[in-house]
All heavy atoms as atom14 arrays in JSON, in Angstrom:
{
  "sequence": "QQAKTDASLRTLAAISTAHWVSHFHFMALPMLFPFLKQQLGVGYIELG",
  "atom14_mask": [
    [1, 1, 1, 1, 1, 1, 1, 1, 1, 0, 0, 0, 0, 0],
    [1, 1, 1, 1, 1, 1, 1, 1, 1, 0, 0, 0, 0, 0],
    [1, 1, 1, 1, 1, 0, 0, 0, 0, 0, 0, 0, 0, 0],
    [1, 1, 1, 1, 1, 1, 1, 1, 1, 0, 0, 0, 0, 0],
    [1, 1, 1, 1, 1, 1, 1, 0, 0, 0, 0, 0, 0, 0],
    [1, 1, 1, 1, 1, 1, 1, 1, 0, 0, 0, 0, 0, 0],
    [1, 1, 1, 1, 1, 0, 0, 0, 0, 0, 0, 0, 0, 0],
    [1, 1, 1, 1, 1, 1, 0, 0, 0, 0, 0, 0, 0, 0],
    [1, 1, 1, 1, 1, 1, 1, 1, 0, 0, 0, 0, 0, 0],
    [1, 1, 1, 1, 1, 1, 1, 1, 1, 1, 1, 0, 0, 0],
    [1, 1, 1, 1, 1, 1, 1, 0, 0, 0, 0, 0, 0, 0],
    [1, 1, 1, 1, 1, 1, 1, 1, 0, 0, 0, 0, 0, 0],
    [1, 1, 1, 1, 1, 0, 0, 0, 0, 0, 0, 0, 0, 0],
    [1, 1, 1, 1, 1, 0, 0, 0, 0, 0, 0, 0, 0, 0],
    [1, 1, 1, 1, 1, 1, 1, 1, 0, 0, 0, 0, 0, 0],
    [1, 1, 1, 1, 1, 1, 0, 0, 0, 0, 0, 0, 0, 0],
    [1, 1, 1, 1, 1, 1, 1, 0, 0, 0, 0, 0, 0, 0],
    [1, 1, 1, 1, 1, 0, 0, 0, 0, 0, 0, 0, 0, 0],
    [1, 1, 1, 1, 1, 1, 1, 1, 1, 1, 0, 0, 0, 0],
    [1, 1, 1, 1, 1, 1, 1, 1, 1, 1, 1, 1, 1, 1],
    [1, 1, 1, 1, 1, 1, 1, 0, 0, 0, 0, 0, 0, 0],
    [1, 1, 1, 1, 1, 1, 0, 0, 0, 0, 0, 0, 0, 0],
    [1, 1, 1, 1, 1, 1, 1, 1, 1, 1, 0, 0, 0, 0],
    [1, 1, 1, 1, 1, 1, 1, 1, 1, 1, 1, 0, 0, 0],
    [1, 1, 1, 1, 1, 1, 1, 1, 1, 1, 0, 0, 0, 0],
    [1, 1, 1, 1, 1, 1, 1, 1, 1, 1, 1, 0, 0, 0],
    [1, 1, 1, 1, 1, 1, 1, 1, 0, 0, 0, 0, 0, 0],
    [1, 1, 1, 1, 1, 0, 0, 0, 0, 0, 0, 0, 0, 0],
    [1, 1, 1, 1, 1, 1, 1, 1, 0, 0, 0, 0, 0, 0],
    [1, 1, 1, 1, 1, 1, 1, 0, 0, 0, 0, 0, 0, 0],
    [1, 1, 1, 1, 1, 1, 1, 1, 0, 0, 0, 0, 0, 0],
    [1, 1, 1, 1, 1, 1, 1, 1, 0, 0, 0, 0, 0, 0],
    [1, 1, 1, 1, 1, 1, 1, 1, 1, 1, 1, 0, 0, 0],
    [1, 1, 1, 1, 1, 1, 1, 0, 0, 0, 0, 0, 0, 0],
    [1, 1, 1, 1, 1, 1, 1, 1, 1, 1, 1, 0, 0, 0],
    [1, 1, 1, 1, 1, 1, 1, 1, 0, 0, 0, 0, 0, 0],
    [1, 1, 1, 1, 1, 1, 1, 1, 1, 0, 0, 0, 0, 0],
    [1, 1, 1, 1, 1, 1, 1, 1, 1, 0, 0, 0, 0, 0],
    [1, 1, 1, 1, 1, 1, 1, 1, 1, 0, 0, 0, 0, 0],
    [1, 1, 1, 1, 1, 1, 1, 1, 0, 0, 0, 0, 0, 0],
    [1, 1, 1, 1, 0, 0, 0, 0, 0, 0, 0, 0, 0, 0],
    [1, 1, 1, 1, 1, 1, 1, 0, 0, 0, 0, 0, 0, 0],
    [1, 1, 1, 1, 0, 0, 0, 0, 0, 0, 0, 0, 0, 0],
    [1, 1, 1, 1, 1, 1, 1, 1, 1, 1, 1, 1, 0, 0],
    [1, 1, 1, 1, 1, 1, 1, 1, 0, 0, 0, 0, 0, 0],
    [1, 1, 1, 1, 1, 1, 1, 1, 1, 0, 0, 0, 0, 0],
    [1, 1, 1, 1, 1, 1, 1, 1, 0, 0, 0, 0, 0, 0],
    [1, 1, 1, 1, 0, 0, 0, 0, 0, 0, 0, 0, 0, 0]
  ],
  "atom14_positions": [
    [[-69.81, 63.06, 81.85], [-68.73, 63.28, 82.81], [-68.63, 62.1, 83.77], [-67.53, 61.65, 84.12], [-68.98, 64.58, 83.59], [-67.88, 64.92, 84.59], [-66.53, 65.11, 83.93], [-66.45, 65.65, 82.84], [-65.48, 64.65, 84.57], [0.0, 0.0, 0.0], [0.0, 0.0, 0.0], [0.0, 0.0, 0.0], [0.0, 0.0, 0.0], [0.0, 0.0, 0.0]],
    [[-69.78, 61.56, 84.21], [-69.77, 60.42, 85.1], [-69.19, 59.19, 84.42], [-68.43, 58.42, 85.02], [-71.2, 60.12, 85.59], [-71.3, 58.97, 86.58], [-70.52, 59.23, 87.85], [-70.57, 60.34, 88.39], [-69.79, 58.23, 88.33], [0.0, 0.0, 0.0], [0.0, 0.0, 0.0], [0.0, 0.0, 0.0], [0.0, 0.0, 0.0], [0.0, 0.0, 0.0]],
    [[-69.55, 59.01, 83.14], [-69.01, 57.86, 82.39], [-67.5, 57.97, 82.25], [-66.78, 56.97, 82.36], [-69.67, 57.8, 81.01], [0.0, 0.0, 0.0], [0.0, 0.0, 0.0], [0.0, 0.0, 0.0], [0.0, 0.0, 0.0], [0.0, 0.0, 0.0], [0.0, 0.0, 0.0], [0.0, 0.0, 0.0], [0.0, 0.0, 0.0], [0.0, 0.0, 0.0]],
    [[-67.0, 59.2, 82.02], [-65.56, 59.4, 81.91], [-64.86, 59.1, 83.23], [-63.79, 58.48, 83.25], [-65.28, 60.85, 81.49], [-63.8, 61.15, 81.3], [-63.6, 62.59, 80.85], [-62.11, 62.9, 80.7], [-61.89, 64.31, 80.29], [0.0, 0.0, 0.0], [0.0, 0.0, 0.0], [0.0, 0.0, 0.0], [0.0, 0.0, 0.0], [0.0, 0.0, 0.0]],
    [[-65.48, 59.53, 84.34], [-64.9, 59.26, 85.66], [-64.86, 57.77, 85.94], [-63.86, 57.25, 86.44], [-65.72, 59.98, 86.74], [-65.7, 61.39, 86.5], [-65.14, 59.7, 88.13], [0.0, 0.0, 0.0], [0.0, 0.0, 0.0], [0.0, 0.0, 0.0], [0.0, 0.0, 0.0], [0.0, 0.0, 0.0], [0.0, 0.0, 0.0], [0.0, 0.0, 0.0]],
    [[-65.94, 57.07, 85.62], [-65.99, 55.62, 85.83], [-64.92, 54.91, 85.02], [-64.27, 53.97, 85.49], [-67.38, 55.08, 85.46], [-68.46, 55.54, 86.43], [-68.1, 56.01, 87.54], [-69.64, 55.44, 86.09], [0.0, 0.0, 0.0], [0.0, 0.0, 0.0], [0.0, 0.0, 0.0], [0.0, 0.0, 0.0], [0.0, 0.0, 0.0], [0.0, 0.0, 0.0]],
    [[-64.73, 55.35, 83.77], [-63.71, 54.73, 82.91], [-62.31, 54.98, 83.47], [-61.46, 54.09, 83.44], [-63.82, 55.28, 81.49], [0.0, 0.0, 0.0], [0.0, 0.0, 0.0], [0.0, 0.0, 0.0], [0.0, 0.0, 0.0], [0.0, 0.0, 0.0], [0.0, 0.0, 0.0], [0.0, 0.0, 0.0], [0.0, 0.0, 0.0], [0.0, 0.0, 0.0]],
    [[-62.08, 56.19, 84.01], [-60.77, 56.5, 84.59], [-60.49, 55.64, 85.81], [-59.38, 55.11, 85.98], [-60.7, 57.98, 84.97], [-60.79, 58.81, 83.82], [0.0, 0.0, 0.0], [0.0, 0.0, 0.0], [0.0, 0.0, 0.0], [0.0, 0.0, 0.0], [0.0, 0.0, 0.0], [0.0, 0.0, 0.0], [0.0, 0.0, 0.0], [0.0, 0.0, 0.0]],
    [[-61.51, 55.47, 86.66], [-61.33, 54.65, 87.86], [-61.09, 53.19, 87.49], [-60.27, 52.51, 88.1], [-62.56, 54.77, 88.76], [-62.77, 56.12, 89.45], [-64.09, 56.14, 90.21], [-61.61, 56.43, 90.4], [0.0, 0.0, 0.0], [0.0, 0.0, 0.0], [0.0, 0.0, 0.0], [0.0, 0.0, 0.0], [0.0, 0.0, 0.0], [0.0, 0.0, 0.0]],
    [[-61.79, 52.72, 86.46], [-61.61, 51.34, 86.01], [-60.2, 51.14, 85.46], [-59.54, 50.13, 85.73], [-62.65, 51.01, 84.94], [-62.65, 49.54, 84.52], [-63.88, 49.19, 83.71], [-64.01, 50.0, 82.51], [-64.93, 50.94, 82.31], [-65.83, 51.2, 83.27], [-64.98, 51.62, 81.19], [0.0, 0.0, 0.0], [0.0, 0.0, 0.0], [0.0, 0.0, 0.0]],
    [[-59.73, 52.12, 84.71], [-58.37, 52.05, 84.16], [-57.33, 52.06, 85.28], [-56.38, 51.28, 85.28], [-58.12, 53.23, 83.21], [-59.03, 53.14, 82.11], [-56.69, 53.22, 82.69], [0.0, 0.0, 0.0], [0.0, 0.0, 0.0], [0.0, 0.0, 0.0], [0.0, 0.0, 0.0], [0.0, 0.0, 0.0], [0.0, 0.0, 0.0], [0.0, 0.0, 0.0]],
    [[-57.51, 52.95, 86.26], [-56.57, 53.05, 87.38], [-56.53, 51.74, 88.16], [-55.45, 51.25, 88.52], [-56.96, 54.2, 88.3], [-56.12, 54.38, 89.57], [-54.66, 54.61, 89.22], [-56.66, 55.54, 90.41], [0.0, 0.0, 0.0], [0.0, 0.0, 0.0], [0.0, 0.0, 0.0], [0.0, 0.0, 0.0], [0.0, 0.0, 0.0], [0.0, 0.0, 0.0]],
    [[-57.7, 51.14, 88.42], [-57.74, 49.88, 89.15], [-57.03, 48.77, 88.37], [-56.28, 47.97, 88.95], [-59.2, 49.49, 89.43], [0.0, 0.0, 0.0], [0.0, 0.0, 0.0], [0.0, 0.0, 0.0], [0.0, 0.0, 0.0], [0.0, 0.0, 0.0], [0.0, 0.0, 0.0], [0.0, 0.0, 0.0], [0.0, 0.0, 0.0], [0.0, 0.0, 0.0]],
    [[-57.24, 48.73, 87.06], [-56.63, 47.69, 86.24], [-55.11, 47.84, 86.18], [-54.36, 46.86, 86.36], [-57.22, 47.73, 84.83], [0.0, 0.0, 0.0], [0.0, 0.0, 0.0], [0.0, 0.0, 0.0], [0.0, 0.0, 0.0], [0.0, 0.0, 0.0], [0.0, 0.0, 0.0], [0.0, 0.0, 0.0], [0.0, 0.0, 0.0], [0.0, 0.0, 0.0]],
    [[-54.64, 49.06, 85.95], [-53.2, 49.28, 85.85], [-52.52, 49.07, 87.21], [-51.41, 48.52, 87.29], [-52.91, 50.71, 85.33], [-53.51, 50.9, 83.94], [-51.41, 50.97, 85.28], [-53.05, 49.88, 82.91], [0.0, 0.0, 0.0], [0.0, 0.0, 0.0], [0.0, 0.0, 0.0], [0.0, 0.0, 0.0], [0.0, 0.0, 0.0], [0.0, 0.0, 0.0]],
    [[-53.18, 49.46, 88.28], [-52.62, 49.24, 89.62], [-52.54, 47.75, 89.94], [-51.6, 47.3, 90.6], [-53.48, 49.96, 90.67], [-53.45, 51.37, 90.47], [0.0, 0.0, 0.0], [0.0, 0.0, 0.0], [0.0, 0.0, 0.0], [0.0, 0.0, 0.0], [0.0, 0.0, 0.0], [0.0, 0.0, 0.0], [0.0, 0.0, 0.0], [0.0, 0.0, 0.0]],
    [[-53.52, 46.98, 89.48], [-53.47, 45.52, 89.67], [-52.27, 44.93, 88.95], [-51.58, 44.05, 89.49], [-54.77, 44.87, 89.16], [-55.89, 45.43, 89.87], [-54.74, 43.37, 89.38], [0.0, 0.0, 0.0], [0.0, 0.0, 0.0], [0.0, 0.0, 0.0], [0.0, 0.0, 0.0], [0.0, 0.0, 0.0], [0.0, 0.0, 0.0], [0.0, 0.0, 0.0]],
    [[-52.0, 45.4, 87.75], [-50.82, 44.93, 87.01], [-49.55, 45.26, 87.77], [-48.61, 44.45, 87.84], [-50.79, 45.54, 85.61], [0.0, 0.0, 0.0], [0.0, 0.0, 0.0], [0.0, 0.0, 0.0], [0.0, 0.0, 0.0], [0.0, 0.0, 0.0], [0.0, 0.0, 0.0], [0.0, 0.0, 0.0], [0.0, 0.0, 0.0], [0.0, 0.0, 0.0]],
    [[-49.49, 46.46, 88.36], [-48.31, 46.85, 89.13], [-48.16, 45.99, 90.38], [-47.04, 45.66, 90.79], [-48.39, 48.33, 89.5], [-47.09, 48.94, 89.86], [-46.95, 49.92, 90.81], [-45.82, 48.71, 89.41], [-45.69, 50.28, 90.93], [-44.98, 49.54, 90.09], [0.0, 0.0, 0.0], [0.0, 0.0, 0.0], [0.0, 0.0, 0.0], [0.0, 0.0, 0.0]],
    [[-49.28, 45.61, 90.98], [-49.25, 44.69, 92.11], [-48.58, 43.38, 91.7], [-47.73, 42.85, 92.42], [-50.68, 44.43, 92.58], [-50.81, 43.57, 93.8], [-50.96, 43.98, 95.09], [-50.8, 42.13, 93.85], [-51.03, 42.9, 95.94], [-50.94, 41.74, 95.19], [-50.69, 41.13, 92.88], [-50.98, 40.41, 95.61], [-50.71, 39.8, 93.28], [-50.86, 39.45, 94.62]],
    [[-48.95, 42.87, 90.53], [-48.39, 41.61, 90.04], [-46.88, 41.73, 89.84], [-46.11, 40.82, 90.15], [-49.07, 41.17, 88.73], [-48.38, 39.94, 88.13], [-50.54, 40.86, 88.97], [0.0, 0.0, 0.0], [0.0, 0.0, 0.0], [0.0, 0.0, 0.0], [0.0, 0.0, 0.0], [0.0, 0.0, 0.0], [0.0, 0.0, 0.0], [0.0, 0.0, 0.0]],
    [[-46.43, 42.87, 89.31], [-45.0, 43.03, 89.02], [-44.18, 42.91, 90.3], [-43.15, 42.23, 90.32], [-44.74, 44.38, 88.35], [-44.81, 45.46, 89.26], [0.0, 0.0, 0.0], [0.0, 0.0, 0.0], [0.0, 0.0, 0.0], [0.0, 0.0, 0.0], [0.0, 0.0, 0.0], [0.0, 0.0, 0.0], [0.0, 0.0, 0.0], [0.0, 0.0, 0.0]],
    [[-44.61, 43.54, 91.39], [-43.86, 43.47, 92.64], [-44.03, 42.09, 93.29], [-43.1, 41.6, 93.93], [-44.33, 44.57, 93.59], [-43.78, 45.91, 93.26], [-42.87, 46.58, 94.05], [-43.99, 46.72, 92.19], [-42.55, 47.74, 93.5], [-43.22, 47.85, 92.36], [0.0, 0.0, 0.0], [0.0, 0.0, 0.0], [0.0, 0.0, 0.0], [0.0, 0.0, 0.0]],
    [[-45.19, 41.48, 93.15], [-45.41, 40.14, 93.69], [-44.49, 39.14, 93.01], [-43.85, 38.32, 93.67], [-46.87, 39.75, 93.49], [-47.16, 38.33, 93.88], [-47.18, 37.95, 95.21], [-47.42, 37.37, 92.9], [-47.46, 36.63, 95.57], [-47.69, 36.05, 93.25], [-47.71, 35.68, 94.59], [0.0, 0.0, 0.0], [0.0, 0.0, 0.0], [0.0, 0.0, 0.0]],
    [[-44.39, 39.2, 91.68], [-43.51, 38.28, 90.94], [-42.04, 38.53, 91.29], [-41.25, 37.59, 91.38], [-43.74, 38.42, 89.44], [-44.89, 37.63, 88.95], [-45.35, 37.67, 87.64], [-45.71, 36.74, 89.57], [-46.37, 36.85, 87.5], [-46.61, 36.29, 88.65], [0.0, 0.0, 0.0], [0.0, 0.0, 0.0], [0.0, 0.0, 0.0], [0.0, 0.0, 0.0]],
    [[-41.67, 39.8, 91.48], [-40.29, 40.11, 91.82], [-39.89, 39.49, 93.15], [-38.76, 39.02, 93.33], [-40.1, 41.64, 91.88], [-38.78, 42.06, 92.48], [-37.61, 41.9, 91.78], [-38.73, 42.6, 93.75], [-36.38, 42.27, 92.33], [-37.52, 42.99, 94.31], [-36.35, 42.82, 93.59], [0.0, 0.0, 0.0], [0.0, 0.0, 0.0], [0.0, 0.0, 0.0]],
    [[-40.84, 39.45, 94.1], [-40.54, 38.92, 95.44], [-40.71, 37.42, 95.53], [-40.25, 36.8, 96.5], [-41.44, 39.6, 96.48], [-41.12, 41.05, 96.73], [-39.47, 41.29, 97.42], [-39.66, 40.48, 99.01], [0.0, 0.0, 0.0], [0.0, 0.0, 0.0], [0.0, 0.0, 0.0], [0.0, 0.0, 0.0], [0.0, 0.0, 0.0], [0.0, 0.0, 0.0]],
    [[-41.36, 36.79, 94.55], [-41.66, 35.36, 94.63], [-40.39, 34.51, 94.7], [-40.28, 33.6, 95.53], [-42.52, 34.93, 93.45], [0.0, 0.0, 0.0], [0.0, 0.0, 0.0], [0.0, 0.0, 0.0], [0.0, 0.0, 0.0], [0.0, 0.0, 0.0], [0.0, 0.0, 0.0], [0.0, 0.0, 0.0], [0.0, 0.0, 0.0], [0.0, 0.0, 0.0]],
    [[-39.41, 34.8, 93.83], [-38.19, 33.99, 93.83], [-37.4, 34.1, 95.13], [-37.02, 33.07, 95.71], [-37.3, 34.38, 92.65], [-37.66, 33.77, 91.28], [-36.65, 34.2, 90.24], [-37.72, 32.25, 91.36], [0.0, 0.0, 0.0], [0.0, 0.0, 0.0], [0.0, 0.0, 0.0], [0.0, 0.0, 0.0], [0.0, 0.0, 0.0], [0.0, 0.0, 0.0]],
    [[-37.11, 35.3, 95.66], [-36.38, 35.38, 96.93], [-37.1, 34.64, 98.07], [-36.45, 34.04, 98.93], [-36.29, 36.88, 97.21], [-36.39, 37.51, 95.86], [-37.31, 36.65, 95.08], [0.0, 0.0, 0.0], [0.0, 0.0, 0.0], [0.0, 0.0, 0.0], [0.0, 0.0, 0.0], [0.0, 0.0, 0.0], [0.0, 0.0, 0.0], [0.0, 0.0, 0.0]],
    [[-38.42, 34.67, 98.08], [-39.16, 34.0, 99.14], [-39.01, 32.48, 99.04], [-39.2, 31.76, 100.04], [-40.65, 34.37, 99.06], [-40.95, 35.83, 99.37], [-40.35, 36.38, 100.97], [-38.85, 37.25, 100.51], [0.0, 0.0, 0.0], [0.0, 0.0, 0.0], [0.0, 0.0, 0.0], [0.0, 0.0, 0.0], [0.0, 0.0, 0.0], [0.0, 0.0, 0.0]],
    [[-38.68, 31.99, 97.86], [-38.51, 30.55, 97.66], [-37.05, 30.11, 97.68], [-36.74, 28.97, 97.34], [-39.16, 30.13, 96.33], [-40.69, 30.13, 96.33], [-41.24, 30.02, 94.92], [-41.22, 28.99, 97.19], [0.0, 0.0, 0.0], [0.0, 0.0, 0.0], [0.0, 0.0, 0.0], [0.0, 0.0, 0.0], [0.0, 0.0, 0.0], [0.0, 0.0, 0.0]],
    [[-36.15, 30.99, 98.07], [-34.73, 30.64, 98.09], [-34.42, 29.4, 98.95], [-33.63, 28.55, 98.54], [-33.9, 31.83, 98.57], [-33.45, 32.74, 97.45], [-33.85, 32.51, 96.13], [-32.62, 33.83, 97.7], [-33.44, 33.35, 95.1], [-32.21, 34.66, 96.67], [-32.62, 34.42, 95.37], [0.0, 0.0, 0.0], [0.0, 0.0, 0.0], [0.0, 0.0, 0.0]],
    [[-34.99, 29.27, 100.15], [-34.7, 28.05, 100.93], [-35.09, 26.77, 100.17], [-34.33, 25.79, 100.16], [-35.54, 28.23, 102.19], [-35.69, 29.71, 102.34], [-35.81, 30.22, 100.94], [0.0, 0.0, 0.0], [0.0, 0.0, 0.0], [0.0, 0.0, 0.0], [0.0, 0.0, 0.0], [0.0, 0.0, 0.0], [0.0, 0.0, 0.0], [0.0, 0.0, 0.0]],
    [[-36.25, 26.78, 99.53], [-36.69, 25.63, 98.73], [-35.76, 25.4, 97.54], [-35.33, 24.27, 97.27], [-38.12, 25.86, 98.25], [-38.56, 24.94, 97.14], [-38.89, 23.63, 97.4], [-38.63, 25.41, 95.83], [-39.29, 22.77, 96.36], [-39.03, 24.58, 94.8], [-39.35, 23.25, 95.06], [0.0, 0.0, 0.0], [0.0, 0.0, 0.0], [0.0, 0.0, 0.0]],
    [[-35.43, 26.48, 96.83], [-34.57, 26.35, 95.65], [-33.17, 25.89, 96.04], [-32.56, 25.08, 95.33], [-34.5, 27.7, 94.91], [-35.81, 28.19, 94.29], [-35.65, 29.61, 93.77], [-36.25, 27.27, 93.16], [0.0, 0.0, 0.0], [0.0, 0.0, 0.0], [0.0, 0.0, 0.0], [0.0, 0.0, 0.0], [0.0, 0.0, 0.0], [0.0, 0.0, 0.0]],
    [[-32.67, 26.39, 97.15], [-31.32, 25.99, 97.59], [-31.27, 24.48, 97.87], [-30.33, 23.79, 97.48], [-30.94, 26.77, 98.85], [-29.52, 26.5, 99.36], [-29.23, 27.39, 100.56], [-27.77, 27.23, 100.99], [-27.49, 25.87, 101.5], [0.0, 0.0, 0.0], [0.0, 0.0, 0.0], [0.0, 0.0, 0.0], [0.0, 0.0, 0.0], [0.0, 0.0, 0.0]],
    [[-32.3, 23.99, 98.51], [-32.34, 22.57, 98.85], [-32.51, 21.7, 97.6], [-31.83, 20.69, 97.44], [-33.48, 22.31, 99.83], [-33.6, 20.84, 100.25], [-34.75, 20.62, 101.2], [-35.61, 21.48, 101.36], [-34.77, 19.46, 101.84], [0.0, 0.0, 0.0], [0.0, 0.0, 0.0], [0.0, 0.0, 0.0], [0.0, 0.0, 0.0], [0.0, 0.0, 0.0]],
    [[-33.41, 22.1, 96.72], [-33.71, 21.28, 95.55], [-32.6, 21.32, 94.5], [-32.33, 20.32, 93.83], [-35.02, 21.75, 94.91], [-36.26, 21.53, 95.77], [-36.51, 20.06, 96.03], [-36.41, 19.23, 95.13], [-36.84, 19.72, 97.27], [0.0, 0.0, 0.0], [0.0, 0.0, 0.0], [0.0, 0.0, 0.0], [0.0, 0.0, 0.0], [0.0, 0.0, 0.0]],
    [[-31.96, 22.47, 94.36], [-30.95, 22.63, 93.31], [-29.54, 22.32, 93.81], [-28.62, 22.16, 92.99], [-30.99, 24.06, 92.75], [-32.32, 24.48, 92.1], [-32.25, 25.93, 91.65], [-32.67, 23.57, 90.93], [0.0, 0.0, 0.0], [0.0, 0.0, 0.0], [0.0, 0.0, 0.0], [0.0, 0.0, 0.0], [0.0, 0.0, 0.0], [0.0, 0.0, 0.0]],
    [[-29.34, 22.27, 95.12], [-28.02, 21.99, 95.65], [-27.0, 23.07, 95.36], [-25.83, 22.79, 95.09], [0.0, 0.0, 0.0], [0.0, 0.0, 0.0], [0.0, 0.0, 0.0], [0.0, 0.0, 0.0], [0.0, 0.0, 0.0], [0.0, 0.0, 0.0], [0.0, 0.0, 0.0], [0.0, 0.0, 0.0], [0.0, 0.0, 0.0], [0.0, 0.0, 0.0]],
    [[-27.44, 24.33, 95.41], [-26.54, 25.46, 95.15], [-26.48, 26.35, 96.39], [-27.26, 26.18, 97.33], [-27.03, 26.28, 93.93], [-27.0, 25.44, 92.67], [-28.43, 26.84, 94.17], [0.0, 0.0, 0.0], [0.0, 0.0, 0.0], [0.0, 0.0, 0.0], [0.0, 0.0, 0.0], [0.0, 0.0, 0.0], [0.0, 0.0, 0.0], [0.0, 0.0, 0.0]],
    [[-25.55, 27.29, 96.38], [-25.41, 28.22, 97.48], [-26.16, 29.51, 97.23], [-26.75, 29.73, 96.16], [0.0, 0.0, 0.0], [0.0, 0.0, 0.0], [0.0, 0.0, 0.0], [0.0, 0.0, 0.0], [0.0, 0.0, 0.0], [0.0, 0.0, 0.0], [0.0, 0.0, 0.0], [0.0, 0.0, 0.0], [0.0, 0.0, 0.0], [0.0, 0.0, 0.0]],
    [[-26.13, 30.4, 98.22], [-26.83, 31.67, 98.09], [-26.17, 32.58, 97.06], [-26.81, 33.48, 96.51], [-26.93, 32.36, 99.44], [-27.99, 31.74, 100.34], [-27.63, 31.05, 101.48], [-29.33, 31.84, 100.02], [-28.59, 30.47, 102.3], [-30.3, 31.26, 100.82], [-29.93, 30.57, 101.97], [-30.88, 29.99, 102.76], [0.0, 0.0, 0.0], [0.0, 0.0, 0.0]],
    [[-24.88, 32.38, 96.81], [-24.22, 33.19, 95.78], [-24.84, 32.88, 94.42], [-25.14, 33.8, 93.63], [-22.7, 32.92, 95.76], [-22.05, 33.44, 97.03], [-22.07, 33.56, 94.53], [-20.57, 33.17, 97.12], [0.0, 0.0, 0.0], [0.0, 0.0, 0.0], [0.0, 0.0, 0.0], [0.0, 0.0, 0.0], [0.0, 0.0, 0.0], [0.0, 0.0, 0.0]],
    [[-25.04, 31.6, 94.13], [-25.65, 31.22, 92.86], [-27.1, 31.73, 92.77], [-27.55, 32.18, 91.71], [-25.64, 29.69, 92.7], [-24.26, 29.1, 92.43], [-23.48, 28.85, 93.69], [-23.97, 29.22, 94.79], [-22.37, 28.28, 93.61], [0.0, 0.0, 0.0], [0.0, 0.0, 0.0], [0.0, 0.0, 0.0], [0.0, 0.0, 0.0], [0.0, 0.0, 0.0]],
    [[-27.81, 31.67, 93.9], [-29.19, 32.18, 93.9], [-29.2, 33.71, 93.74], [-30.04, 34.26, 93.02], [-29.88, 31.78, 95.2], [-30.12, 30.27, 95.39], [-30.7, 30.0, 96.78], [-31.02, 29.71, 94.31], [0.0, 0.0, 0.0], [0.0, 0.0, 0.0], [0.0, 0.0, 0.0], [0.0, 0.0, 0.0], [0.0, 0.0, 0.0], [0.0, 0.0, 0.0]],
    [[-28.25, 34.37, 94.42], [-28.16, 35.82, 94.27], [-27.81, 36.24, 92.86], [-28.26, 37.3, 92.39], [0.0, 0.0, 0.0], [0.0, 0.0, 0.0], [0.0, 0.0, 0.0], [0.0, 0.0, 0.0], [0.0, 0.0, 0.0], [0.0, 0.0, 0.0], [0.0, 0.0, 0.0], [0.0, 0.0, 0.0], [0.0, 0.0, 0.0], [0.0, 0.0, 0.0]]
  ]
}
């Protein structure tokens, strides 16, 4: 039973870490909009 509990916690931690990455990657581009706007020479409509 303890081994099963440990495996469940390990699985939950791993899957939650993956979910952390998904939201982090989703927010990465908007956070870089000022840099992208300057480097690409486009407006916020194009970035949006």
